[in-house]
Amino acid sequence: MAHCGTLTFHDEEGHALHVTRYGRMPSGNIDELDETMQADLATVLCARPDLRVVLLADGAEEMWSRLNIIADGVADRPERLVDFWHVCEYLGEAAQAMASPAKARALLSDWKGRLLEEPNAVDSILDDLGNSAHPKLHKAKTYLQNHADQMEYATAREQGLPIGSGNIEATCKSLLGQRLKRSGSRWKSETGEHVVQLRALQLSDRWDEGVTASLRPLRQPVKRAA
């Protein structure tokens, strides 16, 4: 499993303006990736301490552990949100288990609307799910209960904060999938890491700066002898 991360800048309405992308191969140094993201975040906040920081991921414990380490000591009281679309996947499965296809679509649409518009919508959705022991309902209820404090989407939207991790999904595809899996692509195990990191620089509009920094130690002054 390869690893990706993004540092995304948004406007006041929550629309993405620029994405800095990071990646490592399955055998790559993930801790180094975290340190790089933390350093970049610290640099940004040093220049713009007024910017708000939002941590976004699915519900995986490992992801949140790493995000918290990255933000620790750098961001002051960051917002934490579980990706809205991952929540919808769980609710979609629950709706299909509760009703016919047509009614399930309507039910899921209602739940989405509540999450986007109503504060504390999780409580009312949990009431709808009831006490059924059906595996899909239990799975959805457990996910909601475990991450309820990270699902304040209505408040986040009012404040112009992002609620979806689409940028990281796109990075997985453009940084790794398109380069390493496409027909005719070539790379070796020992050099794949270099390919990924160079591509991350290019996709983040940091190519010139990255190449300059890489070549700086190799450059030597030339003096005219005669």
C-alpha atoms as a PDB file:
ATOM      1  CA  MET A   1       0.000   0.000   0.000  1.00  0.00           C
ATOM      2  CA  ALA A   2       1.496   3.307  -1.089  1.00  0.00           C
ATOM      3  CA  HIS A   3       0.990   6.491   0.929  1.00  0.00           C
ATOM      4  CA  CYS A   4      -0.260   9.954  -0.019  1.00  0.00           C
ATOM      5  CA  GLY A   5      -0.877  13.270   1.690  1.00  0.00           C
ATOM      6  CA  THR A   6      -1.941  16.760   0.638  1.00  0.00           C
ATOM      7  CA  LEU A   7      -1.702  20.292   1.938  1.00  0.00           C
ATOM      8  CA  THR A   8      -4.588  22.146   0.296  1.00  0.00           C
ATOM      9  CA  PHE A   9      -5.331  25.854   0.360  1.00  0.00           C
ATOM     10  CA  HIS A  10      -8.997  26.919   0.149  1.00  0.00           C
ATOM     11  CA  ASP A  11     -10.798  30.182  -0.409  1.00  0.00           C
ATOM     12  CA  GLU A  12     -13.388  31.572   2.015  1.00  0.00           C
ATOM     13  CA  GLU A  13     -16.101  29.414   0.441  1.00  0.00           C
ATOM     14  CA  GLY A  14     -14.162  26.189   0.833  1.00  0.00           C
ATOM     15  CA  HIS A  15     -13.092  25.813  -2.803  1.00  0.00           C
ATOM     16  CA  ALA A  16      -9.583  24.464  -3.378  1.00  0.00           C
ATOM     17  CA  LEU A  17      -7.065  26.987  -4.712  1.00  0.00           C
ATOM     18  CA  HIS A  18      -3.820  25.005  -4.685  1.00  0.00           C
ATOM     19  CA  VAL A  19      -2.781  21.496  -3.665  1.00  0.00           C
ATOM     20  CA  THR A  20       0.691  20.461  -2.533  1.00  0.00           C
ATOM     21  CA  ARG A  21       1.001  16.706  -2.959  1.00  0.00           C
ATOM     22  CA  TYR A  22       3.168  14.194  -1.112  1.00  0.00           C
ATOM     23  CA  GLY A  23       3.720  10.489  -1.686  1.00  0.00           C
ATOM     24  CA  ARG A  24       5.805   7.479  -0.730  1.00  0.00           C
ATOM     25  CA  MET A  25       6.077   3.952  -2.074  1.00  0.00           C
ATOM     26  CA  PRO A  26       4.913   1.068   0.150  1.00  0.00           C
ATOM     27  CA  SER A  27       8.509   0.600   1.329  1.00  0.00           C
ATOM     28  CA  GLY A  28       9.116   4.338   1.665  1.00  0.00           C
ATOM     29  CA  ASN A  29       9.719   6.287   4.849  1.00  0.00           C
ATOM     30  CA  ILE A  30       6.241   7.356   5.970  1.00  0.00           C
ATOM     31  CA  ASP A  31       7.570   9.182   9.019  1.00  0.00           C
ATOM     32  CA  GLU A  32       9.677  11.327   6.689  1.00  0.00           C
ATOM     33  CA  LEU A  33       6.543  12.140   4.690  1.00  0.00           C
ATOM     34  CA  ASP A  34       4.838  13.289   7.907  1.00  0.00           C
ATOM     35  CA  GLU A  35       7.846  15.418   8.841  1.00  0.00           C
ATOM     36  CA  THR A  36       7.876  17.048   5.410  1.00  0.00           C
ATOM     37  CA  MET A  37       4.181  17.887   5.615  1.00  0.00           C
ATOM     38  CA  GLN A  38       4.623  19.244   9.137  1.00  0.00           C
ATOM     39  CA  ALA A  39       7.538  21.441   8.062  1.00  0.00           C
ATOM     40  CA  ASP A  40       5.560  22.852   5.137  1.00  0.00           C
ATOM     41  CA  LEU A  41       2.542  23.497   7.356  1.00  0.00           C
ATOM     42  CA  ALA A  42       4.737  25.255   9.915  1.00  0.00           C
ATOM     43  CA  THR A  43       6.245  27.456   7.193  1.00  0.00           C
ATOM     44  CA  VAL A  44       2.805  28.429   5.925  1.00  0.00           C
ATOM     45  CA  LEU A  45       1.468  29.250   9.390  1.00  0.00           C
ATOM     46  CA  CYS A  46       4.577  31.246  10.209  1.00  0.00           C
ATOM     47  CA  ALA A  47       3.804  33.498   7.249  1.00  0.00           C
ATOM     48  CA  ARG A  48       0.006  33.404   7.729  1.00  0.00           C
ATOM     49  CA  PRO A  49      -0.847  32.598  11.369  1.00  0.00           C
ATOM     50  CA  ASP A  50      -4.453  33.683  10.730  1.00  0.00           C
ATOM     51  CA  LEU A  51      -5.165  30.683   8.483  1.00  0.00           C
ATOM     52  CA  ARG A  52      -7.424  27.989   9.896  1.00  0.00           C
ATOM     53  CA  VAL A  53      -6.302  24.383   9.721  1.00  0.00           C
ATOM     54  CA  VAL A  54      -8.699  21.526   8.969  1.00  0.00           C
ATOM     55  CA  LEU A  55      -7.620  17.906   9.316  1.00  0.00           C
ATOM     56  CA  LEU A  56      -9.569  15.655   6.935  1.00  0.00           C
ATOM     57  CA  ALA A  57      -9.434  11.877   6.521  1.00  0.00           C
ATOM     58  CA  ASP A  58     -11.625   8.807   6.634  1.00  0.00           C
ATOM     59  CA  GLY A  59     -12.180   7.082   9.961  1.00  0.00           C
ATOM     60  CA  ALA A  60      -8.995   4.967   9.935  1.00  0.00           C
ATOM     61  CA  GLU A  61      -7.208   5.227  13.275  1.00  0.00           C
ATOM     62  CA  GLU A  62      -3.747   5.187  11.670  1.00  0.00           C
ATOM     63  CA  MET A  63      -4.591   8.151   9.457  1.00  0.00           C
ATOM     64  CA  TRP A  64      -5.788  10.218  12.397  1.00  0.00           C
ATOM     65  CA  SER A  65      -2.774   9.283  14.457  1.00  0.00           C
ATOM     66  CA  ARG A  66      -0.499  10.625  11.735  1.00  0.00           C
ATOM     67  CA  LEU A  67      -2.566  13.758  11.104  1.00  0.00           C
ATOM     68  CA  ASN A  68      -2.524  14.578  14.801  1.00  0.00           C
ATOM     69  CA  ILE A  69       1.260  14.164  14.912  1.00  0.00           C
ATOM     70  CA  ILE A  70       1.631  16.473  11.902  1.00  0.00           C
ATOM     71  CA  ALA A  71      -0.551  19.169  13.471  1.00  0.00           C
ATOM     72  CA  ASP A  72       0.819  18.782  17.009  1.00  0.00           C
ATOM     73  CA  GLY A  73       2.761  21.841  18.071  1.00  0.00           C
ATOM     74  CA  VAL A  74       2.204  23.530  14.709  1.00  0.00           C
ATOM     75  CA  ALA A  75      -1.509  24.273  14.350  1.00  0.00           C
ATOM     76  CA  ASP A  76      -3.463  25.918  17.147  1.00  0.00           C
ATOM     77  CA  ARG A  77      -6.720  24.008  17.758  1.00  0.00           C
ATOM     78  CA  PRO A  78      -7.249  22.604  14.243  1.00  0.00           C
ATOM     79  CA  GLU A  79     -10.694  21.478  13.123  1.00  0.00           C
ATOM     80  CA  ARG A  80     -11.101  17.719  12.651  1.00  0.00           C
ATOM     81  CA  LEU A  81     -13.617  16.328  10.162  1.00  0.00           C
ATOM     82  CA  VAL A  82     -14.250  12.836   8.837  1.00  0.00           C
ATOM     83  CA  ASP A  83     -14.602  12.894   5.056  1.00  0.00           C
ATOM     84  CA  PHE A  84     -18.278  13.489   4.246  1.00  0.00           C
ATOM     85  CA  TRP A  85     -18.365  11.003   1.374  1.00  0.00           C
ATOM     86  CA  HIS A  86     -17.018   8.153   3.487  1.00  0.00           C
ATOM     87  CA  VAL A  87     -19.910   8.770   5.890  1.00  0.00           C
ATOM     88  CA  CYS A  88     -22.315   8.623   2.951  1.00  0.00           C
ATOM     89  CA  GLU A  89     -20.941   5.227   1.917  1.00  0.00           C
ATOM     90  CA  TYR A  90     -21.817   3.772   5.311  1.00  0.00           C
ATOM     91  CA  LEU A  91     -25.242   5.413   5.280  1.00  0.00           C
ATOM     92  CA  GLY A  92     -25.870   4.232   1.720  1.00  0.00           C
ATOM     93  CA  GLU A  93     -25.341   0.615   2.732  1.00  0.00           C
ATOM     94  CA  ALA A  94     -27.609   1.087   5.744  1.00  0.00           C
ATOM     95  CA  ALA A  95     -30.359   2.637   3.608  1.00  0.00           C
ATOM     96  CA  GLN A  96     -30.235  -0.292   1.183  1.00  0.00           C
ATOM     97  CA  ALA A  97     -30.636  -2.688   4.094  1.00  0.00           C
ATOM     98  CA  MET A  98     -33.663  -0.783   5.405  1.00  0.00           C
ATOM     99  CA  ALA A  99     -35.708  -0.131   2.279  1.00  0.00           C
ATOM    100  CA  SER A 100     -36.363  -0.851  -1.386  1.00  0.00           C
ATOM    101  CA  PRO A 101     -33.956   0.735  -3.912  1.00  0.00           C
ATOM    102  CA  ALA A 102     -36.193   3.754  -4.623  1.00  0.00           C
ATOM    103  CA  LYS A 103     -36.943   4.413  -0.948  1.00  0.00           C
ATOM    104  CA  ALA A 104     -33.292   3.811  -0.036  1.00  0.00           C
ATOM    105  CA  ARG A 105     -32.188   6.576  -2.414  1.00  0.00           C
ATOM    106  CA  ALA A 106     -34.707   8.962  -0.899  1.00  0.00           C
ATOM    107  CA  LEU A 107     -33.657   8.014   2.621  1.00  0.00           C
ATOM    108  CA  LEU A 108     -29.969   8.544   1.850  1.00  0.00           C
ATOM    109  CA  SER A 109     -30.749  11.900   0.242  1.00  0.00           C
ATOM    110  CA  ASP A 110     -32.605  12.937   3.391  1.00  0.00           C
ATOM    111  CA  TRP A 111     -29.686  11.909   5.622  1.00  0.00           C
ATOM    112  CA  LYS A 112     -27.213  13.804   3.430  1.00  0.00           C
ATOM    113  CA  GLY A 113     -29.370  16.908   3.599  1.00  0.00           C
ATOM    114  CA  ARG A 114     -29.553  16.739   7.363  1.00  0.00           C
ATOM    115  CA  LEU A 115     -25.801  16.313   7.733  1.00  0.00           C
ATOM    116  CA  LEU A 116     -25.159  19.303   5.481  1.00  0.00           C
ATOM    117  CA  GLU A 117     -27.802  21.605   6.925  1.00  0.00           C
ATOM    118  CA  GLU A 118     -28.562  20.632  10.536  1.00  0.00           C
ATOM    119  CA  PRO A 119     -26.191  20.879  13.519  1.00  0.00           C
ATOM    120  CA  ASN A 120     -26.084  17.653  15.534  1.00  0.00           C
ATOM    121  CA  ALA A 121     -27.735  15.750  12.685  1.00  0.00           C
ATOM    122  CA  VAL A 122     -25.937  12.574  13.730  1.00  0.00           C
ATOM    123  CA  ASP A 123     -28.287  12.108  16.705  1.00  0.00           C
ATOM    124  CA  SER A 124     -31.425  12.136  14.566  1.00  0.00           C
ATOM    125  CA  ILE A 125     -29.884   9.742  12.024  1.00  0.00           C
ATOM    126  CA  LEU A 126     -28.930   7.339  14.811  1.00  0.00           C
ATOM    127  CA  ASP A 127     -32.576   7.399  15.900  1.00  0.00           C
ATOM    128  CA  ASP A 128     -33.605   6.472  12.352  1.00  0.00           C
ATOM    129  CA  LEU A 129     -31.193   3.539  12.330  1.00  0.00           C
ATOM    130  CA  GLY A 130     -32.858   2.185  15.477  1.00  0.00           C
ATOM    131  CA  ASN A 131     -31.701  -0.855  17.385  1.00  0.00           C
ATOM    132  CA  SER A 132     -31.567  -3.363  14.547  1.00  0.00           C
ATOM    133  CA  ALA A 133     -28.780  -5.959  14.709  1.00  0.00           C
ATOM    134  CA  HIS A 134     -28.463  -6.033  10.911  1.00  0.00           C
ATOM    135  CA  PRO A 135     -24.691  -5.999  10.123  1.00  0.00           C
ATOM    136  CA  LYS A 136     -24.851  -2.989   7.775  1.00  0.00           C
ATOM    137  CA  LEU A 137     -26.970  -0.964  10.189  1.00  0.00           C
ATOM    138  CA  HIS A 138     -24.683  -1.873  13.060  1.00  0.00           C
ATOM    139  CA  LYS A 139     -21.659  -0.900  10.974  1.00  0.00           C
ATOM    140  CA  ALA A 140     -23.149   2.511  10.125  1.00  0.00           C
ATOM    141  CA  LYS A 141     -24.239   3.171  13.712  1.00  0.00           C
ATOM    142  CA  THR A 142     -20.805   2.293  15.067  1.00  0.00           C
ATOM    143  CA  TYR A 143     -19.112   4.605  12.553  1.00  0.00           C
ATOM    144  CA  LEU A 144     -21.426   7.493  13.431  1.00  0.00           C
ATOM    145  CA  GLN A 145     -21.030   6.961  17.172  1.00  0.00           C
ATOM    146  CA  ASN A 146     -17.239   6.752  16.980  1.00  0.00           C
ATOM    147  CA  HIS A 147     -16.856   9.912  14.895  1.00  0.00           C
ATOM    148  CA  ALA A 148     -19.879  12.039  15.807  1.00  0.00           C
ATOM    149  CA  ASP A 149     -17.689  14.915  17.015  1.00  0.00           C
ATOM    150  CA  GLN A 150     -15.991  14.971  13.587  1.00  0.00           C
ATOM    151  CA  MET A 151     -19.211  15.311  11.583  1.00  0.00           C
ATOM    152  CA  GLU A 152     -20.269  18.906  12.223  1.00  0.00           C
ATOM    153  CA  TYR A 153     -20.625  19.538   8.494  1.00  0.00           C
ATOM    154  CA  ALA A 154     -23.336  22.194   8.745  1.00  0.00           C
ATOM    155  CA  THR A 155     -21.146  24.363  10.980  1.00  0.00           C
ATOM    156  CA  ALA A 156     -18.110  23.747   8.768  1.00  0.00           C
ATOM    157  CA  ARG A 157     -19.993  24.810   5.631  1.00  0.00           C
ATOM    158  CA  GLU A 158     -21.223  27.987   7.311  1.00  0.00           C
ATOM    159  CA  GLN A 159     -17.611  28.843   8.055  1.00  0.00           C
ATOM    160  CA  GLY A 160     -16.390  28.037   4.541  1.00  0.00           C
ATOM    161  CA  LEU A 161     -14.392  24.982   5.601  1.00  0.00           C
ATOM    162  CA  PRO A 162     -13.870  21.935   3.353  1.00  0.00           C
ATOM    163  CA  ILE A 163     -15.713  18.738   4.305  1.00  0.00           C
ATOM    164  CA  GLY A 164     -14.432  16.268   1.698  1.00  0.00           C
ATOM    165  CA  SER A 165     -11.057  14.651   1.075  1.00  0.00           C
ATOM    166  CA  GLY A 166     -11.414  14.560  -2.700  1.00  0.00           C
ATOM    167  CA  ASN A 167      -7.971  16.115  -3.153  1.00  0.00           C
ATOM    168  CA  ILE A 168      -6.265  13.179  -1.500  1.00  0.00           C
ATOM    169  CA  GLU A 169      -8.268  10.701  -3.587  1.00  0.00           C
ATOM    170  CA  ALA A 170      -7.234  12.594  -6.732  1.00  0.00           C
ATOM    171  CA  THR A 171      -3.622  12.574  -5.563  1.00  0.00           C
ATOM    172  CA  CYS A 172      -3.651   8.794  -5.157  1.00  0.00           C
ATOM    173  CA  LYS A 173      -4.782   8.554  -8.768  1.00  0.00           C
ATOM    174  CA  SER A 174      -2.599  11.220 -10.406  1.00  0.00           C
ATOM    175  CA  LEU A 175       0.544  10.769  -8.325  1.00  0.00           C
ATOM    176  CA  LEU A 176       0.649   6.983  -8.105  1.00  0.00           C
ATOM    177  CA  GLY A 177      -2.005   5.341 -10.254  1.00  0.00           C
ATOM    178  CA  GLN A 178      -1.390   7.199 -13.512  1.00  0.00           C
ATOM    179  CA  ARG A 179       2.395   7.056 -13.268  1.00  0.00           C
ATOM    180  CA  LEU A 180       3.048   3.606 -11.822  1.00  0.00           C
ATOM    181  CA  LYS A 181       0.100   1.590 -13.144  1.00  0.00           C
ATOM    182  CA  ARG A 182      -0.572   2.966 -16.612  1.00  0.00           C
ATOM    183  CA  SER A 183       0.202   0.904 -19.699  1.00  0.00           C
ATOM    184  CA  GLY A 184       3.863   1.126 -20.650  1.00  0.00           C
ATOM    185  CA  SER A 185       5.039   2.832 -17.458  1.00  0.00           C
ATOM    186  CA  ARG A 186       8.376   1.623 -16.146  1.00  0.00           C
ATOM    187  CA  TRP A 187      10.113   1.842 -12.811  1.00  0.00           C
ATOM    188  CA  LYS A 188      12.273  -0.278 -10.532  1.00  0.00           C
ATOM    189  CA  SER A 189      11.744  -1.090  -6.883  1.00  0.00           C
ATOM    190  CA  GLU A 190      14.863   0.767  -5.806  1.00  0.00           C
ATOM    191  CA  THR A 191      14.112   3.879  -7.884  1.00  0.00           C
ATOM    192  CA  GLY A 192      10.304   3.999  -7.691  1.00  0.00           C
ATOM    193  CA  GLU A 193      10.569   6.204  -4.606  1.00  0.00           C
ATOM    194  CA  HIS A 194      12.495   8.811  -6.615  1.00  0.00           C
ATOM    195  CA  VAL A 195       9.889   8.687  -9.383  1.00  0.00           C
ATOM    196  CA  VAL A 196       7.065   9.318  -6.898  1.00  0.00           C
ATOM    197  CA  GLN A 197       8.782  12.221  -5.160  1.00  0.00           C
ATOM    198  CA  LEU A 198       9.794  13.900  -8.420  1.00  0.00           C
ATOM    199  CA  ARG A 199       6.243  13.537  -9.734  1.00  0.00           C
ATOM    200  CA  ALA A 200       4.911  15.040  -6.496  1.00  0.00           C
ATOM    201  CA  LEU A 201       7.092  18.104  -7.078  1.00  0.00           C
ATOM    202  CA  GLN A 202       5.821  18.434 -10.646  1.00  0.00           C
ATOM    203  CA  LEU A 203       2.136  18.045  -9.715  1.00  0.00           C
ATOM    204  CA  SER A 204       2.545  20.590  -6.896  1.00  0.00           C
ATOM    205  CA  ASP A 205       4.159  23.264  -9.147  1.00  0.00           C
ATOM    206  CA  ARG A 206       7.349  22.945  -7.103  1.00  0.00           C
ATOM    207  CA  TRP A 207       9.581  21.449  -9.784  1.00  0.00           C
ATOM    208  CA  ASP A 208      11.933  24.400 -10.303  1.00  0.00           C
ATOM    209  CA  GLU A 209      12.411  24.976  -6.575  1.00  0.00           C
ATOM    210  CA  GLY A 210      12.931  21.260  -5.931  1.00  0.00           C
ATOM    211  CA  VAL A 211      15.508  20.811  -8.691  1.00  0.00           C
ATOM    212  CA  THR A 212      17.365  23.954  -7.607  1.00  0.00           C
ATOM    213  CA  ALA A 213      17.542  22.711  -4.009  1.00  0.00           C
ATOM    214  CA  SER A 214      18.686  19.248  -5.146  1.00  0.00           C
ATOM    215  CA  LEU A 215      21.466  20.564  -7.379  1.00  0.00           C
ATOM    216  CA  ARG A 216      22.715  23.237  -4.993  1.00  0.00           C
ATOM    217  CA  PRO A 217      25.150  20.937  -3.107  1.00  0.00           C
ATOM    218  CA  LEU A 218      26.618  19.726  -6.420  1.00  0.00           C
ATOM    219  CA  ARG A 219      27.377  23.141  -7.819  1.00  0.00           C
ATOM    220  CA  GLN A 220      30.938  24.425  -7.479  1.00  0.00           C
ATOM    221  CA  PRO A 221      32.221  27.923  -8.219  1.00  0.00           C
ATOM    222  CA  VAL A 222      34.287  28.198 -11.384  1.00  0.00           C
ATOM    223  CA  LYS A 223      37.250  30.552 -11.381  1.00  0.00           C
ATOM    224  CA  ARG A 224      38.964  31.736 -14.474  1.00  0.00           C
ATOM    225  CA  ALA A 225      42.590  30.578 -14.378  1.00  0.00           C
ATOM    226  CA  ALA A 226      43.866  32.624 -17.285  1.00  0.00           C
END
